[in-house]
PDB file of N, CA and C in Angstrom:
ATOM      1  N   MET A   1     -28.013 -10.919  -2.244  1.00  0.00           N
ATOM      2  CA  MET A   1     -27.789  -9.993  -1.146  1.00  0.00           C
ATOM      3  C   MET A   1     -27.288 -10.702   0.103  1.00  0.00           C
ATOM      4  N   LYS A   2     -27.561 -12.010   0.209  1.00  0.00           N
ATOM      5  CA  LYS A   2     -27.143 -12.731   1.404  1.00  0.00           C
ATOM      6  C   LYS A   2     -25.636 -12.623   1.621  1.00  0.00           C
ATOM      7  N   GLU A   3     -24.861 -12.625   0.519  1.00  0.00           N
ATOM      8  CA  GLU A   3     -23.408 -12.547   0.622  1.00  0.00           C
ATOM      9  C   GLU A   3     -22.968 -11.292   1.383  1.00  0.00           C
ATOM     10  N   LEU A   4     -23.655 -10.175   1.179  1.00  0.00           N
ATOM     11  CA  LEU A   4     -23.295  -8.929   1.848  1.00  0.00           C
ATOM     12  C   LEU A   4     -23.627  -8.943   3.336  1.00  0.00           C
ATOM     13  N   SER A   5     -24.443  -9.890   3.782  1.00  0.00           N
ATOM     14  CA  SER A   5     -24.774  -9.941   5.204  1.00  0.00           C
ATOM     15  C   SER A   5     -23.809 -10.828   5.980  1.00  0.00           C
ATOM     16  N   GLN A   6     -22.908 -11.508   5.275  1.00  0.00           N
ATOM     17  CA  GLN A   6     -21.930 -12.393   5.898  1.00  0.00           C
ATOM     18  C   GLN A   6     -20.593 -11.673   6.077  1.00  0.00           C
ATOM     19  N   PRO A   7     -19.794 -12.075   7.071  1.00  0.00           N
ATOM     20  CA  PRO A   7     -18.471 -11.459   7.202  1.00  0.00           C
ATOM     21  C   PRO A   7     -17.562 -11.907   6.056  1.00  0.00           C
ATOM     22  N   LEU A   8     -16.520 -11.147   5.843  1.00  0.00           N
ATOM     23  CA  LEU A   8     -15.510 -11.525   4.852  1.00  0.00           C
ATOM     24  C   LEU A   8     -14.880 -12.845   5.243  1.00  0.00           C
ATOM     25  N   ASP A   9     -14.414 -13.588   4.253  1.00  0.00           N
ATOM     26  CA  ASP A   9     -13.656 -14.796   4.586  1.00  0.00           C
ATOM     27  C   ASP A   9     -12.340 -14.369   5.248  1.00  0.00           C
ATOM     28  N   ARG A  10     -11.764 -15.260   6.023  1.00  0.00           N
ATOM     29  CA  ARG A  10     -10.592 -14.941   6.845  1.00  0.00           C
ATOM     30  C   ARG A  10      -9.396 -14.471   6.011  1.00  0.00           C
ATOM     31  N   ALA A  11      -9.116 -15.150   4.894  1.00  0.00           N
ATOM     32  CA  ALA A  11      -7.951 -14.787   4.073  1.00  0.00           C
ATOM     33  C   ALA A  11      -8.086 -13.363   3.535  1.00  0.00           C
ATOM     34  N   THR A  12      -9.264 -13.006   3.069  1.00  0.00           N
ATOM     35  CA  THR A  12      -9.491 -11.658   2.555  1.00  0.00           C
ATOM     36  C   THR A  12      -9.380 -10.635   3.680  1.00  0.00           C
ATOM     37  N   ALA A  13      -9.943 -10.960   4.837  1.00  0.00           N
ATOM     38  CA  ALA A  13      -9.875 -10.050   5.987  1.00  0.00           C
ATOM     39  C   ALA A  13      -8.423  -9.803   6.402  1.00  0.00           C
ATOM     40  N   ILE A  14      -7.613 -10.839   6.397  1.00  0.00           N
ATOM     41  CA  ILE A  14      -6.193 -10.693   6.757  1.00  0.00           C
ATOM     42  C   ILE A  14      -5.482  -9.799   5.747  1.00  0.00           C
ATOM     43  N   GLU A  15      -5.740 -10.035   4.464  1.00  0.00           N
ATOM     44  CA  GLU A  15      -5.101  -9.223   3.433  1.00  0.00           C
ATOM     45  C   GLU A  15      -5.504  -7.759   3.557  1.00  0.00           C
ATOM     46  N   TYR A  16      -6.789  -7.491   3.684  1.00  0.00           N
ATOM     47  CA  TYR A  16      -7.255  -6.118   3.792  1.00  0.00           C
ATOM     48  C   TYR A  16      -6.746  -5.455   5.067  1.00  0.00           C
ATOM     49  N   ALA A  17      -6.670  -6.205   6.152  1.00  0.00           N
ATOM     50  CA  ALA A  17      -6.139  -5.649   7.406  1.00  0.00           C
ATOM     51  C   ALA A  17      -4.694  -5.197   7.215  1.00  0.00           C
ATOM     52  N   SER A  18      -3.922  -5.951   6.433  1.00  0.00           N
ATOM     53  CA  SER A  18      -2.529  -5.560   6.186  1.00  0.00           C
ATOM     54  C   SER A  18      -2.484  -4.239   5.423  1.00  0.00           C
ATOM     55  N   TRP A  19      -3.412  -4.018   4.514  1.00  0.00           N
ATOM     56  CA  TRP A  19      -3.457  -2.760   3.769  1.00  0.00           C
ATOM     57  C   TRP A  19      -3.804  -1.601   4.689  1.00  0.00           C
ATOM     58  N   PHE A  20      -4.835  -1.786   5.513  1.00  0.00           N
ATOM     59  CA  PHE A  20      -5.235  -0.714   6.424  1.00  0.00           C
ATOM     60  C   PHE A  20      -4.119  -0.422   7.432  1.00  0.00           C
ATOM     61  N   ARG A  21      -3.465  -1.476   7.923  1.00  0.00           N
ATOM     62  CA  ARG A  21      -2.365  -1.312   8.880  1.00  0.00           C
ATOM     63  C   ARG A  21      -1.212  -0.532   8.239  1.00  0.00           C
ATOM     64  N   ALA A  22      -0.954  -0.797   6.964  1.00  0.00           N
ATOM     65  CA  ALA A  22       0.135  -0.105   6.266  1.00  0.00           C
ATOM     66  C   ALA A  22      -0.123   1.394   6.186  1.00  0.00           C
ATOM     67  N   LEU A  23      -1.364   1.796   6.168  1.00  0.00           N
ATOM     68  CA  LEU A  23      -1.697   3.219   6.073  1.00  0.00           C
ATOM     69  C   LEU A  23      -2.034   3.840   7.420  1.00  0.00           C
ATOM     70  N   ALA A  24      -1.807   3.106   8.491  1.00  0.00           N
ATOM     71  CA  ALA A  24      -2.158   3.588   9.830  1.00  0.00           C
ATOM     72  C   ALA A  24      -1.030   4.396  10.470  1.00  0.00           C
ATOM     73  N   ASP A  25      -0.334   5.165   9.666  1.00  0.00           N
ATOM     74  CA  ASP A  25       0.757   5.994  10.162  1.00  0.00           C
ATOM     75  C   ASP A  25       0.823   7.249   9.288  1.00  0.00           C
ATOM     76  N   ALA A  26       0.914   8.400   9.917  1.00  0.00           N
ATOM     77  CA  ALA A  26       0.912   9.665   9.174  1.00  0.00           C
ATOM     78  C   ALA A  26       2.079   9.764   8.194  1.00  0.00           C
ATOM     79  N   SER A  27       3.254   9.285   8.591  1.00  0.00           N
ATOM     80  CA  SER A  27       4.414   9.353   7.685  1.00  0.00           C
ATOM     81  C   SER A  27       4.211   8.467   6.463  1.00  0.00           C
ATOM     82  N   ARG A  28       3.628   7.283   6.651  1.00  0.00           N
ATOM     83  CA  ARG A  28       3.385   6.414   5.501  1.00  0.00           C
ATOM     84  C   ARG A  28       2.340   7.029   4.569  1.00  0.00           C
ATOM     85  N   ILE A  29       1.338   7.682   5.138  1.00  0.00           N
ATOM     86  CA  ILE A  29       0.354   8.386   4.306  1.00  0.00           C
ATOM     87  C   ILE A  29       1.063   9.474   3.496  1.00  0.00           C
ATOM     88  N   GLN A  30       1.980  10.211   4.138  1.00  0.00           N
ATOM     89  CA  GLN A  30       2.726  11.251   3.423  1.00  0.00           C
ATOM     90  C   GLN A  30       3.548  10.660   2.281  1.00  0.00           C
ATOM     91  N   ILE A  31       4.196   9.538   2.540  1.00  0.00           N
ATOM     92  CA  ILE A  31       5.035   8.901   1.521  1.00  0.00           C
ATOM     93  C   ILE A  31       4.183   8.433   0.342  1.00  0.00           C
ATOM     94  N   VAL A  32       3.088   7.757   0.622  1.00  0.00           N
ATOM     95  CA  VAL A  32       2.200   7.284  -0.446  1.00  0.00           C
ATOM     96  C   VAL A  32       1.656   8.475  -1.232  1.00  0.00           C
ATOM     97  N   SER A  33       1.243   9.502  -0.529  1.00  0.00           N
ATOM     98  CA  SER A  33       0.709  10.700  -1.176  1.00  0.00           C
ATOM     99  C   SER A  33       1.767  11.356  -2.065  1.00  0.00           C
ATOM    100  N   LEU A  34       2.985  11.489  -1.545  1.00  0.00           N
ATOM    101  CA  LEU A  34       4.077  12.098  -2.309  1.00  0.00           C
ATOM    102  C   LEU A  34       4.354  11.317  -3.586  1.00  0.00           C
ATOM    103  N   LEU A  35       4.508  10.001  -3.452  1.00  0.00           N
ATOM    104  CA  LEU A  35       4.818   9.185  -4.626  1.00  0.00           C
ATOM    105  C   LEU A  35       3.674   9.208  -5.642  1.00  0.00           C
ATOM    106  N   ALA A  36       2.443   9.192  -5.164  1.00  0.00           N
ATOM    107  CA  ALA A  36       1.293   9.221  -6.071  1.00  0.00           C
ATOM    108  C   ALA A  36       1.192  10.563  -6.788  1.00  0.00           C
ATOM    109  N   ARG A  37       1.416  11.641  -6.074  1.00  0.00           N
ATOM    110  CA  ARG A  37       1.288  12.972  -6.663  1.00  0.00           C
ATOM    111  C   ARG A  37       2.445  13.304  -7.600  1.00  0.00           C
ATOM    112  N   ARG A  38       3.647  12.854  -7.257  1.00  0.00           N
ATOM    113  CA  ARG A  38       4.801  13.117  -8.132  1.00  0.00           C
ATOM    114  C   ARG A  38       4.715  12.298  -9.411  1.00  0.00           C
ATOM    115  N   GLY A  39       4.303  11.045  -9.276  1.00  0.00           N
ATOM    116  CA  GLY A  39       4.148  10.201 -10.455  1.00  0.00           C
ATOM    117  C   GLY A  39       5.444   9.720 -11.076  1.00  0.00           C
ATOM    118  N   VAL A  40       6.561   9.932 -10.384  1.00  0.00           N
ATOM    119  CA  VAL A  40       7.861   9.451 -10.869  1.00  0.00           C
ATOM    120  C   VAL A  40       8.559   8.733  -9.721  1.00  0.00           C
ATOM    121  N   PRO A  41       9.414   7.752 -10.034  1.00  0.00           N
ATOM    122  CA  PRO A  41      10.161   7.073  -8.976  1.00  0.00           C
ATOM    123  C   PRO A  41      11.060   8.052  -8.214  1.00  0.00           C
ATOM    124  N   MET A  42      11.182   7.841  -6.915  1.00  0.00           N
ATOM    125  CA  MET A  42      12.020   8.685  -6.054  1.00  0.00           C
ATOM    126  C   MET A  42      12.885   7.789  -5.180  1.00  0.00           C
ATOM    127  N   ASN A  43      14.103   8.255  -4.878  1.00  0.00           N
ATOM    128  CA  ASN A  43      14.946   7.492  -3.968  1.00  0.00           C
ATOM    129  C   ASN A  43      14.691   7.945  -2.531  1.00  0.00           C
ATOM    130  N   VAL A  44      15.255   7.222  -1.588  1.00  0.00           N
ATOM    131  CA  VAL A  44      15.008   7.496  -0.173  1.00  0.00           C
ATOM    132  C   VAL A  44      15.405   8.924   0.193  1.00  0.00           C
ATOM    133  N   GLY A  45      16.552   9.376  -0.295  1.00  0.00           N
ATOM    134  CA  GLY A  45      17.006  10.736   0.011  1.00  0.00           C
ATOM    135  C   GLY A  45      16.018  11.793  -0.439  1.00  0.00           C
ATOM    136  N   GLU A  46      15.462  11.614  -1.628  1.00  0.00           N
ATOM    137  CA  GLU A  46      14.468  12.566  -2.136  1.00  0.00           C
ATOM    138  C   GLU A  46      13.197  12.547  -1.283  1.00  0.00           C
ATOM    139  N   ILE A  47      12.796  11.363  -0.866  1.00  0.00           N
ATOM    140  CA  ILE A  47      11.599  11.245  -0.028  1.00  0.00           C
ATOM    141  C   ILE A  47      11.845  11.866   1.334  1.00  0.00           C
ATOM    142  N   VAL A  48      13.007  11.602   1.917  1.00  0.00           N
ATOM    143  CA  VAL A  48      13.367  12.172   3.227  1.00  0.00           C
ATOM    144  C   VAL A  48      13.293  13.694   3.181  1.00  0.00           C
ATOM    145  N   ALA A  49      13.825  14.285   2.127  1.00  0.00           N
ATOM    146  CA  ALA A  49      13.834  15.744   2.002  1.00  0.00           C
ATOM    147  C   ALA A  49      12.420  16.323   1.960  1.00  0.00           C
ATOM    148  N   GLU A  50      11.488  15.587   1.415  1.00  0.00           N
ATOM    149  CA  GLU A  50      10.116  16.079   1.286  1.00  0.00           C
ATOM    150  C   GLU A  50       9.268  15.850   2.533  1.00  0.00           C
ATOM    151  N   VAL A  51       9.410  14.698   3.176  1.00  0.00           N
ATOM    152  CA  VAL A  51       8.538  14.390   4.321  1.00  0.00           C
ATOM    153  C   VAL A  51       9.171  14.761   5.656  1.00  0.00           C
ATOM    154  N   GLN A  52      10.452  15.134   5.622  1.00  0.00           N
ATOM    155  CA  GLN A  52      11.173  15.596   6.809  1.00  0.00           C
ATOM    156  C   GLN A  52      11.100  14.607   7.970  1.00  0.00           C
ATOM    157  N   VAL A  53      11.380  13.346   7.630  1.00  0.00           N
ATOM    158  CA  VAL A  53      11.488  12.265   8.602  1.00  0.00           C
ATOM    159  C   VAL A  53      12.842  11.634   8.353  1.00  0.00           C
ATOM    160  N   GLY A  54      13.453  11.063   9.365  1.00  0.00           N
ATOM    161  CA  GLY A  54      14.782  10.482   9.233  1.00  0.00           C
ATOM    162  C   GLY A  54      14.865   9.378   8.192  1.00  0.00           C
ATOM    163  N   GLN A  55      16.074   9.213   7.643  1.00  0.00           N
ATOM    164  CA  GLN A  55      16.311   8.241   6.580  1.00  0.00           C
ATOM    165  C   GLN A  55      15.957   6.825   7.002  1.00  0.00           C
ATOM    166  N   SER A  56      16.357   6.416   8.201  1.00  0.00           N
ATOM    167  CA  SER A  56      16.069   5.038   8.624  1.00  0.00           C
ATOM    168  C   SER A  56      14.567   4.823   8.810  1.00  0.00           C
ATOM    169  N   THR A  57      13.872   5.847   9.264  1.00  0.00           N
ATOM    170  CA  THR A  57      12.422   5.752   9.432  1.00  0.00           C
ATOM    171  C   THR A  57      11.735   5.641   8.079  1.00  0.00           C
ATOM    172  N   VAL A  58      12.150   6.476   7.127  1.00  0.00           N
ATOM    173  CA  VAL A  58      11.572   6.413   5.778  1.00  0.00           C
ATOM    174  C   VAL A  58      11.843   5.044   5.167  1.00  0.00           C
ATOM    175  N   SER A  59      13.053   4.534   5.327  1.00  0.00           N
ATOM    176  CA  SER A  59      13.390   3.213   4.781  1.00  0.00           C
ATOM    177  C   SER A  59      12.497   2.127   5.377  1.00  0.00           C
ATOM    178  N   ALA A  60      12.271   2.186   6.677  1.00  0.00           N
ATOM    179  CA  ALA A  60      11.399   1.200   7.336  1.00  0.00           C
ATOM    180  C   ALA A  60       9.964   1.310   6.822  1.00  0.00           C
ATOM    181  N   HIS A  61       9.495   2.533   6.652  1.00  0.00           N
ATOM    182  CA  HIS A  61       8.142   2.728   6.121  1.00  0.00           C
ATOM    183  C   HIS A  61       8.035   2.202   4.691  1.00  0.00           C
ATOM    184  N   LEU A  62       9.038   2.465   3.873  1.00  0.00           N
ATOM    185  CA  LEU A  62       9.023   1.988   2.490  1.00  0.00           C
ATOM    186  C   LEU A  62       9.040   0.465   2.436  1.00  0.00           C
ATOM    187  N   LYS A  63       9.762  -0.150   3.339  1.00  0.00           N
ATOM    188  CA  LYS A  63       9.797  -1.622   3.388  1.00  0.00           C
ATOM    189  C   LYS A  63       8.400  -2.163   3.657  1.00  0.00           C
ATOM    190  N   LEU A  64       7.714  -1.597   4.616  1.00  0.00           N
ATOM    191  CA  LEU A  64       6.363  -2.046   4.945  1.00  0.00           C
ATOM    192  C   LEU A  64       5.404  -1.790   3.776  1.00  0.00           C
ATOM    193  N   LEU A  65       5.493  -0.610   3.183  1.00  0.00           N
ATOM    194  CA  LEU A  65       4.626  -0.279   2.047  1.00  0.00           C
ATOM    195  C   LEU A  65       4.888  -1.201   0.855  1.00  0.00           C
ATOM    196  N   ALA A  66       6.140  -1.614   0.680  1.00  0.00           N
ATOM    197  CA  ALA A  66       6.477  -2.544  -0.403  1.00  0.00           C
ATOM    198  C   ALA A  66       5.931  -3.943  -0.104  1.00  0.00           C
ATOM    199  N   GLU A  67       5.922  -4.343   1.157  1.00  0.00           N
ATOM    200  CA  GLU A  67       5.399  -5.660   1.530  1.00  0.00           C
ATOM    201  C   GLU A  67       3.932  -5.817   1.145  1.00  0.00           C
ATOM    202  N   VAL A  68       3.159  -4.751   1.278  1.00  0.00           N
ATOM    203  CA  VAL A  68       1.742  -4.816   0.906  1.00  0.00           C
ATOM    204  C   VAL A  68       1.522  -4.337  -0.528  1.00  0.00           C
ATOM    205  N   ARG A  69       2.615  -4.047  -1.216  1.00  0.00           N
ATOM    206  CA  ARG A  69       2.612  -3.699  -2.636  1.00  0.00           C
ATOM    207  C   ARG A  69       1.997  -2.343  -2.956  1.00  0.00           C
ATOM    208  N   PHE A  70       1.920  -1.438  -1.973  1.00  0.00           N
ATOM    209  CA  PHE A  70       1.496  -0.073  -2.270  1.00  0.00           C
ATOM    210  C   PHE A  70       2.590   0.648  -3.051  1.00  0.00           C
ATOM    211  N   VAL A  71       3.850   0.295  -2.783  1.00  0.00           N
ATOM    212  CA  VAL A  71       4.963   0.857  -3.547  1.00  0.00           C
ATOM    213  C   VAL A  71       5.784  -0.279  -4.143  1.00  0.00           C
ATOM    214  N   LEU A  72       6.440   0.036  -5.248  1.00  0.00           N
ATOM    215  CA  LEU A  72       7.320  -0.920  -5.921  1.00  0.00           C
ATOM    216  C   LEU A  72       8.732  -0.350  -5.908  1.00  0.00           C
ATOM    217  N   ALA A  73       9.719  -1.211  -5.685  1.00  0.00           N
ATOM    218  CA  ALA A  73      11.123  -0.799  -5.645  1.00  0.00           C
ATOM    219  C   ALA A  73      11.810  -1.181  -6.949  1.00  0.00           C
ATOM    220  N   GLU A  74      12.635  -0.265  -7.424  1.00  0.00           N
ATOM    221  CA  GLU A  74      13.402  -0.487  -8.655  1.00  0.00           C
ATOM    222  C   GLU A  74      14.854  -0.135  -8.354  1.00  0.00           C
ATOM    223  N   HIS A  75      15.735  -1.097  -8.528  1.00  0.00           N
ATOM    224  CA  HIS A  75      17.154  -0.878  -8.244  1.00  0.00           C
ATOM    225  C   HIS A  75      17.841  -0.292  -9.469  1.00  0.00           C
ATOM    226  N   ARG A  76      18.558   0.819  -9.239  1.00  0.00           N
ATOM    227  CA  ARG A  76      19.348   1.472 -10.291  1.00  0.00           C
ATOM    228  C   ARG A  76      20.747   1.681  -9.725  1.00  0.00           C
ATOM    229  N   GLY A  77      21.659   0.834 -10.142  1.00  0.00           N
ATOM    230  CA  GLY A  77      23.012   0.909  -9.591  1.00  0.00           C
ATOM    231  C   GLY A  77      22.969   0.629  -8.096  1.00  0.00           C
ATOM    232  N   THR A  78      23.483   1.585  -7.299  1.00  0.00           N
ATOM    233  CA  THR A  78      23.486   1.396  -5.848  1.00  0.00           C
ATOM    234  C   THR A  78      22.259   2.012  -5.176  1.00  0.00           C
ATOM    235  N   ALA A  79      21.430   2.696  -5.937  1.00  0.00           N
ATOM    236  CA  ALA A  79      20.243   3.348  -5.374  1.00  0.00           C
ATOM    237  C   ALA A  79      18.983   2.529  -5.655  1.00  0.00           C
ATOM    238  N   THR A  80      18.019   2.684  -4.789  1.00  0.00           N
ATOM    239  CA  THR A  80      16.705   2.074  -4.989  1.00  0.00           C
ATOM    240  C   THR A  80      15.696   3.202  -5.144  1.00  0.00           C
ATOM    241  N   TYR A  81      14.905   3.109  -6.181  1.00  0.00           N
ATOM    242  CA  TYR A  81      13.865   4.094  -6.443  1.00  0.00           C
ATOM    243  C   TYR A  81      12.506   3.454  -6.187  1.00  0.00           C
ATOM    244  N   TYR A  82      11.652   4.218  -5.575  1.00  0.00           N
ATOM    245  CA  TYR A  82      10.325   3.735  -5.217  1.00  0.00           C
ATOM    246  C   TYR A  82       9.276   4.483  -6.016  1.00  0.00           C
ATOM    247  N   ARG A  83       8.256   3.741  -6.425  1.00  0.00           N
ATOM    248  CA  ARG A  83       7.142   4.360  -7.131  1.00  0.00           C
ATOM    249  C   ARG A  83       5.853   3.747  -6.605  1.00  0.00           C
ATOM    250  N   ILE A  84       4.791   4.467  -6.804  1.00  0.00           N
ATOM    251  CA  ILE A  84       3.488   3.989  -6.363  1.00  0.00           C
ATOM    252  C   ILE A  84       3.070   2.833  -7.265  1.00  0.00           C
ATOM    253  N   ASN A  85       2.428   1.850  -6.699  1.00  0.00           N
ATOM    254  CA  ASN A  85       1.868   0.737  -7.468  1.00  0.00           C
ATOM    255  C   ASN A  85       0.425   1.112  -7.779  1.00  0.00           C
ATOM    256  N   ASP A  86       0.215   1.718  -8.934  1.00  0.00           N
ATOM    257  CA  ASP A  86      -1.113   2.218  -9.290  1.00  0.00           C
ATOM    258  C   ASP A  86      -2.183   1.139  -9.207  1.00  0.00           C
ATOM    259  N   ALA A  87      -1.874  -0.070  -9.631  1.00  0.00           N
ATOM    260  CA  ALA A  87      -2.866  -1.150  -9.606  1.00  0.00           C
ATOM    261  C   ALA A  87      -3.308  -1.447  -8.180  1.00  0.00           C
ATOM    262  N   CYS A  88      -2.365  -1.438  -7.256  1.00  0.00           N
ATOM    263  CA  CYS A  88      -2.704  -1.743  -5.869  1.00  0.00           C
ATOM    264  C   CYS A  88      -3.465  -0.598  -5.217  1.00  0.00           C
ATOM    265  N   VAL A  89      -3.024   0.613  -5.447  1.00  0.00           N
ATOM    266  CA  VAL A  89      -3.699   1.763  -4.843  1.00  0.00           C
ATOM    267  C   VAL A  89      -5.134   1.859  -5.351  1.00  0.00           C
ATOM    268  N   GLU A  90      -5.362   1.483  -6.602  1.00  0.00           N
ATOM    269  CA  GLU A  90      -6.723   1.470  -7.127  1.00  0.00           C
ATOM    270  C   GLU A  90      -7.583   0.429  -6.431  1.00  0.00           C
ATOM    271  N   CYS A  91      -6.974  -0.628  -5.904  1.00  0.00           N
ATOM    272  CA  CYS A  91      -7.719  -1.664  -5.185  1.00  0.00           C
ATOM    273  C   CYS A  91      -8.191  -1.185  -3.817  1.00  0.00           C
ATOM    274  N   PHE A  92      -7.501  -0.243  -3.238  1.00  0.00           N
ATOM    275  CA  PHE A  92      -7.794   0.128  -1.853  1.00  0.00           C
ATOM    276  C   PHE A  92      -9.221   0.613  -1.638  1.00  0.00           C
ATOM    277  N   PRO A  93      -9.762   1.516  -2.468  1.00  0.00           N
ATOM    278  CA  PRO A  93     -11.166   1.896  -2.252  1.00  0.00           C
ATOM    279  C   PRO A  93     -12.107   0.701  -2.381  1.00  0.00           C
ATOM    280  N   THR A  94     -11.788  -0.215  -3.293  1.00  0.00           N
ATOM    281  CA  THR A  94     -12.592  -1.418  -3.438  1.00  0.00           C
ATOM    282  C   THR A  94     -12.546  -2.241  -2.159  1.00  0.00           C
ATOM    283  N   ALA A  95     -11.370  -2.352  -1.556  1.00  0.00           N
ATOM    284  CA  ALA A  95     -11.243  -3.090  -0.303  1.00  0.00           C
ATOM    285  C   ALA A  95     -12.090  -2.440   0.783  1.00  0.00           C
ATOM    286  N   ALA A  96     -12.060  -1.120   0.861  1.00  0.00           N
ATOM    287  CA  ALA A  96     -12.864  -0.418   1.859  1.00  0.00           C
ATOM    288  C   ALA A  96     -14.350  -0.679   1.625  1.00  0.00           C
ATOM    289  N   ASP A  97     -14.778  -0.663   0.369  1.00  0.00           N
ATOM    290  CA  ASP A  97     -16.180  -0.954   0.053  1.00  0.00           C
ATOM    291  C   ASP A  97     -16.554  -2.372   0.468  1.00  0.00           C
ATOM    292  N   VAL A  98     -15.684  -3.328   0.171  1.00  0.00           N
ATOM    293  CA  VAL A  98     -15.957  -4.718   0.527  1.00  0.00           C
ATOM    294  C   VAL A  98     -16.084  -4.867   2.040  1.00  0.00           C
ATOM    295  N   VAL A  99     -15.161  -4.267   2.781  1.00  0.00           N
ATOM    296  CA  VAL A  99     -15.200  -4.359   4.245  1.00  0.00           C
ATOM    297  C   VAL A  99     -16.512  -3.784   4.778  1.00  0.00           C
ATOM    298  N   MET A 100     -16.976  -2.709   4.170  1.00  0.00           N
ATOM    299  CA  MET A 100     -18.202  -2.048   4.627  1.00  0.00           C
ATOM    300  C   MET A 100     -19.468  -2.720   4.096  1.00  0.00           C
ATOM    301  N   GLY A 101     -19.320  -3.770   3.296  1.00  0.00           N
ATOM    302  CA  GLY A 101     -20.471  -4.496   2.785  1.00  0.00           C
ATOM    303  C   GLY A 101     -21.147  -3.840   1.605  1.00  0.00           C
ATOM    304  N   ARG A 102     -20.446  -2.940   0.939  1.00  0.00           N
ATOM    305  CA  ARG A 102     -21.004  -2.269  -0.241  1.00  0.00           C
ATOM    306  C   ARG A 102     -20.685  -3.082  -1.488  1.00  0.00           C
ATOM    307  N   PRO A 103     -21.595  -3.145  -2.430  1.00  0.00           N
ATOM    308  CA  PRO A 103     -21.277  -3.859  -3.677  1.00  0.00           C
ATOM    309  C   PRO A 103     -20.200  -3.111  -4.453  1.00  0.00           C
ATOM    310  N   VAL A 104     -19.344  -3.855  -5.103  1.00  0.00           N
ATOM    311  CA  VAL A 104     -18.271  -3.265  -5.907  1.00  0.00           C
ATOM    312  C   VAL A 104     -18.302  -3.863  -7.299  1.00  0.00           C
ATOM    313  N   PRO A 105     -17.881  -3.114  -8.320  1.00  0.00           N
ATOM    314  CA  PRO A 105     -17.971  -3.614  -9.689  1.00  0.00           C
ATOM    315  C   PRO A 105     -16.935  -4.665 -10.052  1.00  0.00           C
ATOM    316  N   THR A 106     -15.755  -4.629  -9.439  1.00  0.00           N
ATOM    317  CA  THR A 106     -14.705  -5.575  -9.797  1.00  0.00           C
ATOM    318  C   THR A 106     -14.021  -6.097  -8.551  1.00  0.00           C
ATOM    319  N   GLN A 107     -13.331  -7.218  -8.694  1.00  0.00           N
ATOM    320  CA  GLN A 107     -12.551  -7.781  -7.602  1.00  0.00           C
ATOM    321  C   GLN A 107     -11.155  -7.164  -7.612  1.00  0.00           C
ATOM    322  N   PRO A 108     -10.495  -7.089  -6.453  1.00  0.00           N
ATOM    323  CA  PRO A 108      -9.116  -6.587  -6.435  1.00  0.00           C
ATOM    324  C   PRO A 108      -8.227  -7.423  -7.343  1.00  0.00           C
ATOM    325  N   VAL A 109      -7.248  -6.777  -7.966  1.00  0.00           N
ATOM    326  CA  VAL A 109      -6.362  -7.469  -8.891  1.00  0.00           C
ATOM    327  C   VAL A 109      -5.196  -8.104  -8.156  1.00  0.00           C
ATOM    328  N   SER A 110      -4.555  -9.069  -8.795  1.00  0.00           N
ATOM    329  CA  SER A 110      -3.520  -9.863  -8.140  1.00  0.00           C
ATOM    330  C   SER A 110      -2.292  -9.055  -7.732  1.00  0.00           C
ATOM    331  N   GLU A 111      -2.023  -7.908  -8.351  1.00  0.00           N
ATOM    332  CA  GLU A 111      -0.851  -7.112  -7.995  1.00  0.00           C
ATOM    333  C   GLU A 111      -0.948  -6.572  -6.574  1.00  0.00           C
ATOM    334  N   CYS A 112      -2.094  -6.709  -5.952  1.00  0.00           N
ATOM    335  CA  CYS A 112      -2.313  -6.134  -4.631  1.00  0.00           C
ATOM    336  C   CYS A 112      -2.070  -7.119  -3.503  1.00  0.00           C
ATOM    337  N   HIS A 113      -1.881  -8.370  -3.797  1.00  0.00           N
ATOM    338  CA  HIS A 113      -1.815  -9.358  -2.735  1.00  0.00           C
ATOM    339  C   HIS A 113      -0.619  -9.153  -1.829  1.00  0.00           C
ATOM    340  N   TYR A 114      -0.882  -9.259  -0.556  1.00  0.00           N
ATOM    341  CA  TYR A 114       0.125  -9.136   0.493  1.00  0.00           C
ATOM    342  C   TYR A 114       1.186 -10.198   0.316  1.00  0.00           C
ATOM    343  N   ARG A 115       2.447  -9.806   0.439  1.00  0.00           N
ATOM    344  CA  ARG A 115       3.535 -10.734   0.225  1.00  0.00           C
ATOM    345  C   ARG A 115       4.399 -10.901   1.467  1.00  0.00           C
ATOM    346  N   GLY A 116       3.932 -10.461   2.609  1.00  0.00           N
ATOM    347  CA  GLY A 116       4.705 -10.577   3.836  1.00  0.00           C
ATOM    348  C   GLY A 116       4.493 -11.916   4.493  1.00  0.00           C
ATOM    349  N   GLY A 117       4.922 -12.010   5.745  1.00  0.00           N
ATOM    350  CA  GLY A 117       4.790 -13.239   6.506  1.00  0.00           C
ATOM    351  C   GLY A 117       3.377 -13.482   6.957  1.00  0.00           C
ATOM    352  N   SER A 118       3.154 -14.570   7.664  1.00  0.00           N
ATOM    353  CA  SER A 118       1.815 -14.900   8.142  1.00  0.00           C
ATOM    354  C   SER A 118       1.408 -13.955   9.249  1.00  0.00           C
ATOM    355  N   GLN A 119       0.115 -13.750   9.376  1.00  0.00           N
ATOM    356  CA  GLN A 119      -0.415 -12.806  10.359  1.00  0.00           C
ATOM    357  C   GLN A 119      -0.921 -13.525  11.575  1.00  0.00           C
TER     358      GLN A 119
END
């Protein structure tokens, strides 16, 4: 139990903070929700039509979501299709439990690791 009374190590805290930061915007929540609920890859134009936010804004949000691996990009010809990264999204509740000091059954999987620059 002593482990639960200690703060998270710095590297884990930085990684989890990047996940929470990625979801700290209503449009990004809409995009993640849309991709998760549709369950099929979508291109930027399709996402724009659904969330009613400008194309450049959606593209910027998708870039950030891809950096933390919530979404994965797949290039098809000249278009890029985005899909939810199920493995990473499944890690998010575990991350929230860890931050709150709750015991969790498994550790987050490697597909979730932040791939952006230093924080």
